[in-house]
Amino acid sequence: MKNGCLFLMGLLILCVGGNTFATNGSAVFFDPQLIPHTGKSFREAQDPEYRSYESALRGYMVKRIQQQFGLSLDSKKYSGFDLLEIEAFLKCKKAEESPEAFLKQFPR
């Protein structure tokens, strides 16, 4: 009896835990232009491949921020990593906080 209860508890934990980490494939948003750059490292910022990656990342992040938050940003004003930071802020900010005050902190 004790082993049966432990088995059922373990099965319940696995079922609940497995559903927690499941993702919906249609909710994943990615840009095929970024795939060729996956896993690459670059020597310097002037590397033509890095510039291609940076441009693709900026375009991807601007589209993603527009789609998820309705905020239109210019991909020429911010670096790809700035846009990643902006997205993280938008995910964490309170509803009453204005994104414009935060965007003033980034160099243009």
N, C-alpha and C. Protein backbone atom coordinates (compact mmCIF):
# COMPACT_ATOMS: atom_id res chain seq x y z
N MET A 1 0.82 -1.19 0.00
CA MET A 1 0.00 0.00 0.00
C MET A 1 0.87 1.26 0.00
N LYS A 2 1.92 1.26 0.82
CA LYS A 2 2.80 2.42 0.91
C LYS A 2 3.54 2.65 -0.41
N ASN A 3 3.97 1.56 -1.05
CA ASN A 3 4.66 1.69 -2.33
C ASN A 3 3.73 2.21 -3.42
N GLY A 4 2.47 1.80 -3.38
CA GLY A 4 1.48 2.27 -4.36
C GLY A 4 1.23 3.76 -4.24
N CYS A 5 1.16 4.26 -3.01
CA CYS A 5 0.95 5.69 -2.78
C CYS A 5 2.17 6.49 -3.27
N LEU A 6 3.36 5.98 -2.98
CA LEU A 6 4.57 6.66 -3.44
C LEU A 6 4.64 6.68 -4.96
N PHE A 7 4.23 5.59 -5.59
CA PHE A 7 4.22 5.53 -7.05
C PHE A 7 3.25 6.55 -7.63
N LEU A 8 2.05 6.64 -7.07
CA LEU A 8 1.06 7.59 -7.56
C LEU A 8 1.50 9.04 -7.33
N MET A 9 2.11 9.29 -6.19
CA MET A 9 2.63 10.65 -5.92
C MET A 9 3.73 11.01 -6.92
N GLY A 10 4.62 10.07 -7.18
CA GLY A 10 5.68 10.31 -8.16
C GLY A 10 5.13 10.55 -9.55
N LEU A 11 4.13 9.78 -9.95
CA LEU A 11 3.50 9.94 -11.25
C LEU A 11 2.81 11.29 -11.35
N LEU A 12 2.15 11.71 -10.29
CA LEU A 12 1.49 13.02 -10.27
C LEU A 12 2.52 14.14 -10.42
N ILE A 13 3.62 14.04 -9.72
CA ILE A 13 4.67 15.06 -9.79
C ILE A 13 5.24 15.13 -11.20
N LEU A 14 5.47 13.99 -11.82
CA LEU A 14 6.00 13.97 -13.18
C LEU A 14 5.02 14.59 -14.18
N CYS A 15 3.74 14.30 -14.03
CA CYS A 15 2.74 14.85 -14.94
C CYS A 15 2.65 16.37 -14.81
N VAL A 16 2.57 16.86 -13.60
CA VAL A 16 2.47 18.31 -13.38
C VAL A 16 3.77 19.00 -13.80
N GLY A 17 4.90 18.43 -13.44
CA GLY A 17 6.19 19.02 -13.82
C GLY A 17 6.42 19.01 -15.32
N GLY A 18 5.99 17.95 -15.99
CA GLY A 18 6.16 17.87 -17.44
C GLY A 18 5.33 18.90 -18.17
N ASN A 19 4.14 19.18 -17.70
CA ASN A 19 3.28 20.19 -18.33
C ASN A 19 3.79 21.60 -18.08
N THR A 20 4.50 21.80 -17.00
CA THR A 20 5.03 23.12 -16.69
C THR A 20 6.05 23.57 -17.72
N PHE A 21 6.87 22.65 -18.21
CA PHE A 21 7.94 23.00 -19.12
C PHE A 21 7.58 22.80 -20.59
N ALA A 22 6.36 22.41 -20.88
CA ALA A 22 5.93 22.23 -22.27
C ALA A 22 5.78 23.59 -22.93
N THR A 23 6.14 23.68 -24.21
CA THR A 23 5.99 24.93 -24.95
C THR A 23 5.06 24.70 -26.12
N ASN A 24 4.44 25.76 -26.53
CA ASN A 24 3.58 25.73 -27.70
C ASN A 24 4.42 26.14 -28.89
N GLY A 25 4.55 25.30 -29.89
CA GLY A 25 5.39 25.58 -31.04
C GLY A 25 4.97 26.80 -31.82
N SER A 26 3.68 27.12 -31.84
CA SER A 26 3.23 28.29 -32.58
C SER A 26 3.57 29.59 -31.85
N ALA A 27 3.87 29.51 -30.56
CA ALA A 27 4.21 30.71 -29.80
C ALA A 27 5.68 31.10 -29.95
N VAL A 28 6.50 30.21 -30.48
CA VAL A 28 7.92 30.50 -30.64
C VAL A 28 8.10 31.38 -31.86
N PHE A 29 8.79 32.50 -31.68
CA PHE A 29 9.01 33.47 -32.74
C PHE A 29 10.51 33.56 -32.98
N PHE A 30 10.95 33.25 -34.18
CA PHE A 30 12.37 33.38 -34.49
C PHE A 30 12.53 33.84 -35.93
N ASP A 31 13.67 34.37 -36.21
CA ASP A 31 13.96 34.89 -37.54
C ASP A 31 14.95 33.96 -38.22
N PRO A 32 14.64 33.44 -39.39
CA PRO A 32 15.55 32.54 -40.08
C PRO A 32 16.90 33.19 -40.44
N GLN A 33 16.96 34.51 -40.45
CA GLN A 33 18.23 35.19 -40.74
C GLN A 33 19.23 35.02 -39.61
N LEU A 34 18.77 34.72 -38.39
CA LEU A 34 19.68 34.55 -37.26
C LEU A 34 20.25 33.14 -37.18
N ILE A 35 19.60 32.16 -37.79
CA ILE A 35 20.03 30.77 -37.70
C ILE A 35 21.46 30.56 -38.22
N PRO A 36 21.87 31.14 -39.35
CA PRO A 36 23.25 30.91 -39.81
C PRO A 36 24.33 31.41 -38.84
N HIS A 37 23.98 32.32 -37.95
CA HIS A 37 24.95 32.89 -37.02
C HIS A 37 25.02 32.12 -35.70
N THR A 38 24.18 31.12 -35.54
CA THR A 38 24.13 30.37 -34.29
C THR A 38 25.44 29.67 -34.01
N GLY A 39 25.98 29.89 -32.84
CA GLY A 39 27.20 29.22 -32.40
C GLY A 39 28.49 29.83 -32.91
N LYS A 40 28.42 30.87 -33.70
CA LYS A 40 29.64 31.48 -34.23
C LYS A 40 30.22 32.48 -33.23
N SER A 41 31.50 32.64 -33.31
CA SER A 41 32.16 33.70 -32.54
C SER A 41 32.87 34.61 -33.53
N PHE A 42 33.00 35.86 -33.14
CA PHE A 42 33.55 36.86 -34.04
C PHE A 42 34.80 37.46 -33.41
N ARG A 43 35.75 37.82 -34.23
CA ARG A 43 37.03 38.37 -33.73
C ARG A 43 36.88 39.81 -33.25
N GLU A 44 36.12 40.60 -34.00
CA GLU A 44 35.98 42.02 -33.67
C GLU A 44 34.66 42.54 -34.20
N ALA A 45 34.32 43.73 -33.76
CA ALA A 45 33.05 44.33 -34.16
C ALA A 45 33.06 44.75 -35.63
N GLN A 46 34.24 44.89 -36.22
CA GLN A 46 34.34 45.29 -37.62
C GLN A 46 34.23 44.11 -38.58
N ASP A 47 34.18 42.89 -38.06
CA ASP A 47 34.06 41.69 -38.87
C ASP A 47 32.76 41.75 -39.68
N PRO A 48 32.82 41.53 -41.00
CA PRO A 48 31.59 41.61 -41.83
C PRO A 48 30.51 40.62 -41.38
N GLU A 49 30.90 39.45 -40.91
CA GLU A 49 29.90 38.49 -40.43
C GLU A 49 29.23 39.00 -39.16
N TYR A 50 29.99 39.68 -38.30
CA TYR A 50 29.40 40.24 -37.08
C TYR A 50 28.41 41.35 -37.44
N ARG A 51 28.78 42.16 -38.41
CA ARG A 51 27.87 43.23 -38.83
C ARG A 51 26.57 42.65 -39.39
N SER A 52 26.68 41.56 -40.13
CA SER A 52 25.49 40.89 -40.66
C SER A 52 24.63 40.35 -39.51
N TYR A 53 25.28 39.74 -38.53
CA TYR A 53 24.57 39.22 -37.36
C TYR A 53 23.89 40.35 -36.59
N GLU A 54 24.61 41.42 -36.36
CA GLU A 54 24.07 42.56 -35.60
C GLU A 54 22.85 43.15 -36.31
N SER A 55 22.93 43.28 -37.61
CA SER A 55 21.81 43.81 -38.38
C SER A 55 20.61 42.88 -38.30
N ALA A 56 20.83 41.58 -38.44
CA ALA A 56 19.73 40.62 -38.34
C ALA A 56 19.12 40.62 -36.94
N LEU A 57 19.96 40.71 -35.92
CA LEU A 57 19.47 40.74 -34.54
C LEU A 57 18.64 41.98 -34.27
N ARG A 58 19.10 43.13 -34.76
CA ARG A 58 18.33 44.36 -34.56
C ARG A 58 16.97 44.28 -35.23
N GLY A 59 16.94 43.80 -36.46
CA GLY A 59 15.67 43.67 -37.17
C GLY A 59 14.72 42.71 -36.46
N TYR A 60 15.27 41.60 -35.99
CA TYR A 60 14.48 40.59 -35.28
C TYR A 60 13.91 41.16 -33.98
N MET A 61 14.74 41.85 -33.22
CA MET A 61 14.30 42.38 -31.93
C MET A 61 13.27 43.49 -32.10
N VAL A 62 13.44 44.34 -33.11
CA VAL A 62 12.46 45.41 -33.35
C VAL A 62 11.10 44.81 -33.69
N LYS A 63 11.10 43.77 -34.55
CA LYS A 63 9.84 43.09 -34.89
C LYS A 63 9.22 42.44 -33.66
N ARG A 64 10.05 41.81 -32.86
CA ARG A 64 9.55 41.10 -31.68
C ARG A 64 8.97 42.06 -30.64
N ILE A 65 9.65 43.18 -30.41
CA ILE A 65 9.14 44.18 -29.46
C ILE A 65 7.84 44.79 -29.98
N GLN A 66 7.78 45.05 -31.28
CA GLN A 66 6.55 45.58 -31.87
C GLN A 66 5.41 44.59 -31.72
N GLN A 67 5.69 43.32 -31.99
CA GLN A 67 4.65 42.30 -31.92
C GLN A 67 4.17 42.06 -30.49
N GLN A 68 5.08 41.99 -29.53
CA GLN A 68 4.71 41.63 -28.17
C GLN A 68 4.22 42.82 -27.34
N PHE A 69 4.78 44.00 -27.58
CA PHE A 69 4.48 45.13 -26.70
C PHE A 69 3.86 46.33 -27.42
N GLY A 70 3.81 46.30 -28.75
CA GLY A 70 3.23 47.39 -29.51
C GLY A 70 4.05 48.66 -29.48
N LEU A 71 5.35 48.54 -29.22
CA LEU A 71 6.24 49.69 -29.14
C LEU A 71 7.11 49.71 -30.39
N SER A 72 7.02 50.78 -31.17
CA SER A 72 7.81 50.90 -32.40
C SER A 72 9.15 51.54 -32.09
N LEU A 73 10.21 50.83 -32.42
CA LEU A 73 11.56 51.34 -32.22
C LEU A 73 12.30 51.34 -33.55
N ASP A 74 13.27 52.23 -33.67
CA ASP A 74 14.09 52.30 -34.88
C ASP A 74 15.31 51.40 -34.69
N SER A 75 15.50 50.46 -35.61
CA SER A 75 16.61 49.52 -35.47
C SER A 75 17.97 50.19 -35.68
N LYS A 76 17.99 51.38 -36.24
CA LYS A 76 19.27 52.09 -36.44
C LYS A 76 19.74 52.80 -35.16
N LYS A 77 18.82 53.10 -34.26
CA LYS A 77 19.18 53.85 -33.06
C LYS A 77 19.78 53.00 -31.95
N TYR A 78 19.41 51.73 -31.89
CA TYR A 78 19.82 50.87 -30.79
C TYR A 78 20.62 49.68 -31.31
N SER A 79 21.56 49.21 -30.51
CA SER A 79 22.29 47.99 -30.87
C SER A 79 21.40 46.79 -30.57
N GLY A 80 21.79 45.64 -31.07
CA GLY A 80 21.03 44.42 -30.82
C GLY A 80 20.97 44.10 -29.33
N PHE A 81 22.07 44.32 -28.64
CA PHE A 81 22.10 44.01 -27.20
C PHE A 81 21.30 45.03 -26.39
N ASP A 82 21.26 46.29 -26.86
CA ASP A 82 20.38 47.27 -26.22
C ASP A 82 18.93 46.85 -26.37
N LEU A 83 18.58 46.35 -27.55
CA LEU A 83 17.21 45.91 -27.78
C LEU A 83 16.85 44.70 -26.91
N LEU A 84 17.81 43.82 -26.69
CA LEU A 84 17.57 42.70 -25.77
C LEU A 84 17.30 43.21 -24.36
N GLU A 85 18.05 44.21 -23.95
CA GLU A 85 17.85 44.78 -22.62
C GLU A 85 16.51 45.51 -22.52
N ILE A 86 16.14 46.20 -23.58
CA ILE A 86 14.85 46.90 -23.61
C ILE A 86 13.71 45.90 -23.49
N GLU A 87 13.82 44.78 -24.21
CA GLU A 87 12.78 43.76 -24.13
C GLU A 87 12.67 43.20 -22.71
N ALA A 88 13.81 42.96 -22.07
CA ALA A 88 13.80 42.45 -20.70
C ALA A 88 13.11 43.45 -19.77
N PHE A 89 13.38 44.74 -19.95
CA PHE A 89 12.73 45.76 -19.14
C PHE A 89 11.22 45.75 -19.37
N LEU A 90 10.82 45.67 -20.63
CA LEU A 90 9.39 45.69 -20.94
C LEU A 90 8.66 44.50 -20.33
N LYS A 91 9.33 43.38 -20.22
CA LYS A 91 8.72 42.21 -19.60
C LYS A 91 8.55 42.40 -18.09
N CYS A 92 9.44 43.19 -17.48
CA CYS A 92 9.45 43.32 -16.01
C CYS A 92 8.80 44.60 -15.50
N LYS A 93 8.56 45.57 -16.36
CA LYS A 93 8.08 46.86 -15.87
C LYS A 93 6.65 46.78 -15.38
N LYS A 94 6.32 47.71 -14.51
CA LYS A 94 4.96 47.81 -14.01
C LYS A 94 4.08 48.48 -15.07
N ALA A 95 2.81 48.25 -14.99
CA ALA A 95 1.89 48.77 -16.00
C ALA A 95 1.89 50.30 -16.05
N GLU A 96 2.07 50.94 -14.90
CA GLU A 96 2.02 52.41 -14.87
C GLU A 96 3.34 53.06 -15.27
N GLU A 97 4.42 52.30 -15.41
CA GLU A 97 5.71 52.86 -15.80
C GLU A 97 5.74 53.13 -17.30
N SER A 98 6.31 54.24 -17.66
CA SER A 98 6.41 54.63 -19.06
C SER A 98 7.71 54.09 -19.66
N PRO A 99 7.65 53.47 -20.82
CA PRO A 99 8.89 52.97 -21.43
C PRO A 99 9.79 54.11 -21.94
N GLU A 100 9.21 55.28 -22.21
CA GLU A 100 10.00 56.39 -22.74
C GLU A 100 11.08 56.85 -21.75
N ALA A 101 10.75 56.85 -20.47
CA ALA A 101 11.73 57.27 -19.46
C ALA A 101 12.92 56.30 -19.44
N PHE A 102 12.66 55.05 -19.63
CA PHE A 102 13.73 54.06 -19.65
C PHE A 102 14.55 54.17 -20.93
N LEU A 103 13.89 54.43 -22.06
CA LEU A 103 14.59 54.49 -23.34
C LEU A 103 15.56 55.67 -23.42
N LYS A 104 15.34 56.70 -22.60
CA LYS A 104 16.25 57.85 -22.60
C LYS A 104 17.63 57.48 -22.09
N GLN A 105 17.76 56.38 -21.36
CA GLN A 105 19.05 55.96 -20.81
C GLN A 105 19.97 55.38 -21.86
N PHE A 106 19.45 55.00 -23.01
CA PHE A 106 20.27 54.35 -24.03
C PHE A 106 20.85 55.38 -24.98
N PRO A 107 22.11 55.20 -25.34
CA PRO A 107 22.72 56.12 -26.32
C PRO A 107 22.07 55.96 -27.68
N ARG A 108 21.99 57.04 -28.38
CA ARG A 108 21.37 56.98 -29.73
C ARG A 108 22.36 57.37 -30.78
